Amino acid sequence: MSPSVPLQEMIRAIRSARTQCEERGVIQRECATIRAQFRQADNEGRSHNLAKLLYVHMLGYPAHFGQMECVRMIASPRYSEKRVGYLGAMMLLDEKQDASLLITNSIKNDLANSNQYVQSLALCTLACMGSAEMCRDLAPEINRLLRASNSYIKKKAALCAVHIVRKVQDLGELFAPSARCLLTEKNHGVLHGAVVLITELCECNPESLERFRKTVPDLVQIMKGLVISGYSPDHDVAGISDPFLQVRILRLLRILGHNNEAASDAMNDLLAQVATNTDSTKTVGNAVLYETVLTVLDIKSESGLRVLAVNILGRFLLNNDRNIRYIAMISLQKIVGTDHNAVQRHRGTIVDCLKDQDASVKRRALELSLALVSASNIRSMMKELLSFLSSCPPELRSQTASGIFIAAERYAPSQRWHIDTILHVLTTAGGDVRDETVPNLIQLITNTSELHCYTVHKLYRALHNDISQQPLVQVACWCIGEYGDLLLRGECQEMEPVQVTEDDVLDVLEVVLQSHMSSPSTRGFALTATMKLSTRITENVDRIRSIVSIYGSCIDVELQQRAVEYNALFKKYDHMRAAVLERMPVIEKNSQGHTNGDSTGETVKENLAVKVKQAEPQQAANQVCDLLDLLGGSEPPLQSSPALGSTAPLPIGTAGTAGGDLLDLLGGLEPTAIMPAPTVSVYDKDGVTVTLSCEKQSDSGLSITLTASNSTDSDIRGFTLQAAVPKSVQLHMKAPSGDSLPARGAAKVTQMVVLNNPNKVNLKMRLRISYTSQGSAVQDTVQVDSFPGLGH
C-alpha cells in the first residue's frame, strides 16, 4: 500500500480482507506508514493521515501514537487541520491522560477566536472530554460566551456549561445568572441548552432550586407558546412543535414543582392544556404526554388533574406498542398506593395485559394486578389471577403464587374461601410455592375447626387424583393423619360426602410412601399420618404396624428414625400410644410466617424469670455440690425449678443425698443462658433491615453475624452483602443462608463474617447491600463504625 493512499482506498482494502489476519496486516502496514510520516517535520498530509488513524481506532486497533499529533494540529492556524485535530482529541484523549492538559491553552485561545466555527470546535471538545482542572481554568470563558450575541455560540456554550457543572458542582453559581437570562431567547436551540443547564443546576444545588422556582412563569409562557403555535417547518415533528424542547421543559417543571405548592399551582393550567391538546396517535405526542403525566404525578397537582393523568396512562395500556404499555404500567405501579381508586378504573385493561405475549409486559401486569387487589374486588381479581396461574410462564409462577397467598390472607371473605384458594394454588403450581406455605396452611386449617371435615375430604380427593405436587401431598397427609376419623365417618355438610374405607386411606398413603416423586420430607409426613391413623381406626392396626416396621431399615436416616420410634410405641409403650398420637392442639402464630404449638419465646422468658426470682440458697451437704457448681463461684447453687407447664414441682434430693443435686447439672446455669448477644441495626431503608451482632473469638479474632429481613409486601431476589475493612485487618466471609428475602419478614438471610485484627487498629467496616425488588436493581452502601460489646 502506497504512503499516499487516500482514506477511501484504505477502507476498501480493509473491507476486502478475507481473514482477520489479512485485515490486521493491512492496518499494521498503514499504521507504520502513518507513524513514519508523523515524524517528518514537513508533513503536508497530516490531517489526511490522522483521519485514517481515527478510522483505525474505530475498528478497535491501537492508535495512541496519534495523540501528540492531535495536540499539534489543534494549535494549527488552518481550520481544516484544527477540525481533524479536535475530532482526534475527542476520540483519542480523555481526562485521565496527561496529554489532555496540553490542549488547555489552545482551547482557551480558540474560545476567543473571531470565527464562530473555531469557537464551536473548542466548545464541543471541552464538553466532551474536559477534566475538572480544565473546567476550572476555562469556566470564565464559557460564562462570557453565554452572554455572546451569537445564538449558535450560546447554544453550544450552554451545553458545555452543563458538562462543567457535572464535573465541578461548585462552579454552578457562576453560570446561574447567565442561565436565567437565556430563557428570554427566541432561538429554540438556545432555549433547549438553557433548560438543560437550569435542570442540572437545580439537581446539584438546593439553593439554586429555590432561586429558579421564580422562573416557573417564564417556563410556563414558553411552553404555552409551543403548544398553541402553528406549523413551523424548522421545529415541527409529526405535527408537534419542537417536542424535544417540550419534554425538557416538562422535566424542569417537575423538579421545580416537587413539594412546592406555589410552583405547582402556577403550572396546573398549563399541564391540563398539554394533556388535552396533544395528539396521542403518534409516538412523538405520546412522549410529550408521558412527560406531562410524570410531572402531574410528581408535583402537588389538583385531584382532577391527577385523575386525568391516570386516564392518559389507561389509554397507553390500549396502545399497540408494547413499549408504551410497559412504561404505562411502570407509572401506574408507582402511584397505585396514592391514587388507588383512579387506577382501579382501569383494572380490566390491566388484567387483559396478563395475556400479552411479551414476558416483561406480563410481569409488570402481574405486579400491578396484585397491587390492585382489595376487599371489594378480591373474588373477581382472584379468579383472574388463578386463571393466569394455570397458564403463566414457569418463571412467573412463584411470584404469582406468593402474591395470591398474601392477598388471600389479607382480604379473604371467609375461611372456607381462603382454604379453597390456597388448595387451588397448590394443585396448580404446588412445586413453585415457598417453603413456609405448608406450615401456614396447616395453621389455618387447625384454627378452623368447623371446616375440618370439609378440608380433609377435599384434600383426600386431591391426593387421590395427583401426588406430584409435594406441598399439597404434605398438607393432605397431615390432615388425613389428624382428621382421618372425620374422613372415614363420611359425613360432610359442605360437600357431597364420599364413602371411604380404611383400606382406601391406607392405600393412598402407601402410594405416597412408595412413589419416586415423593421427597424424603413428604414420606415423613405420610409415615406420621399412617402412624396417627392407628389410633383413629380399629380394623387395620396390624397393617399399619407392618408398614411402619418396613421403614425401620430405610436408607433415609430421618425416615428410619421415625419408623424405629413408632415401632417402639407399638411394642414397649403401646399403653401410651393413644395419648402420644392424639390430635394436635390449635397452633398459635407467634411471628410473621412462623407457627408453633406453644407461646415459646415469651413463656420461656417468663418461666426463667420466675425461676431466678424464686431461687433460694441451700446449704450443700458435701463437696459434690461445690464441684458441680462450676460457674457459681462462692455463691450457693440455685434451687431446682419445676418443669415448664407442670403444676407441681419435681422432687429434689435432700441435703444428705448427692443424687438429686448430681442430676440438676444445669440448675445454676439457667439465669446466664438467657443473656442475648448485643445487636445493632446498621441499615434500615425501603423496608430492608440489616442488623449486626458480634462475638469475640480471641484477642484479635471477631465473629460478626449479619441478619437481613424484608418488611415490604413484595419478595426481594438476588440479595447479596459485600464487606470491606482496613488493609491490616483480615476478612473472611462465609456463605450466606440464602439470596432471597420473602415479603413481610417471612424469613431472614444470615451471613457470618470472621475478622482478624492482629495490629489492633480502629475497626471499621463498609457494607454494600445489593438486591432486586419489583424488577428494579438496588445498590446501597453503609459504613459501620461501632461494634456492640467491643467498646469501639
Foldseek 3Di string as FASTA:
>chain_A
DDLPDFLVVLVVLLVPDPDPVSNVVSVVVNLVSLLVLVPDPDRPCLLRSLVSLVVVVVVPDDSLVCLVVLLVQCQDPDPSSVLSSLVCCLRNHAPVDPSVVSCLVSLQVQLPDPDLVSVLSSLVSCLRHNALVSLVVCVVSLLVQCPDPDLVSVLSSLSSVLSNCVRPVVCLVVNLVSLLVQLPDPDLSSLQSSLSSLQSNVVSDVVSLVVCLVCLLSLLVVLVCQLPPDDDVVADDPNGGNLSSLLSSLVSLLSSQAPNDVSQVSCQVSLVSLLPRFDPPDPSSLSNLVSSLSSCVRGPYDPVSPLSSLVSLLVQLVDPDVVSVLVSLVVCLVCCVPPVVSNLVSLVSLLVQCPDPDPSSNLSSLSNLLSNQDLVCPVVSLVSLLVSLLPPDPVCNAQSLLSNLVSCVVRPPDLVSSLVSNLSSLLRPLVNYDPLSLVVSLLSQQVCVVCLLVVLQVLLVSLVVDPLRASSLLNNLQSCLQPVLSLCVQDDPVDHTDHDDPVNVVVSLVCQLPDPSHDPVSVQSSLLSLLSCCLNDDDCVVVNLVVLCVLCVPPDPVSVVVSVVSNCCVPVVVVCSCVVSHHQHNWDPQDVSDIDSDVPPVQVVVVLVVQVVPWDADDALDCVQVVLPPPPPPGGATDDAADRPDDDRDDADDNVDCVRSVVPSCRRVSVVVPDDFDKDWFDDPPQKTKIKGKDAPDPFKIKIKIKIAGQAQGKKFQKDKDKDWDPQKDKDKDDKPHGIHGYRRNDMIMIMMMIGRPPPDQIKMKMWIWIATSNDTDIDITIDRDHPPPGD
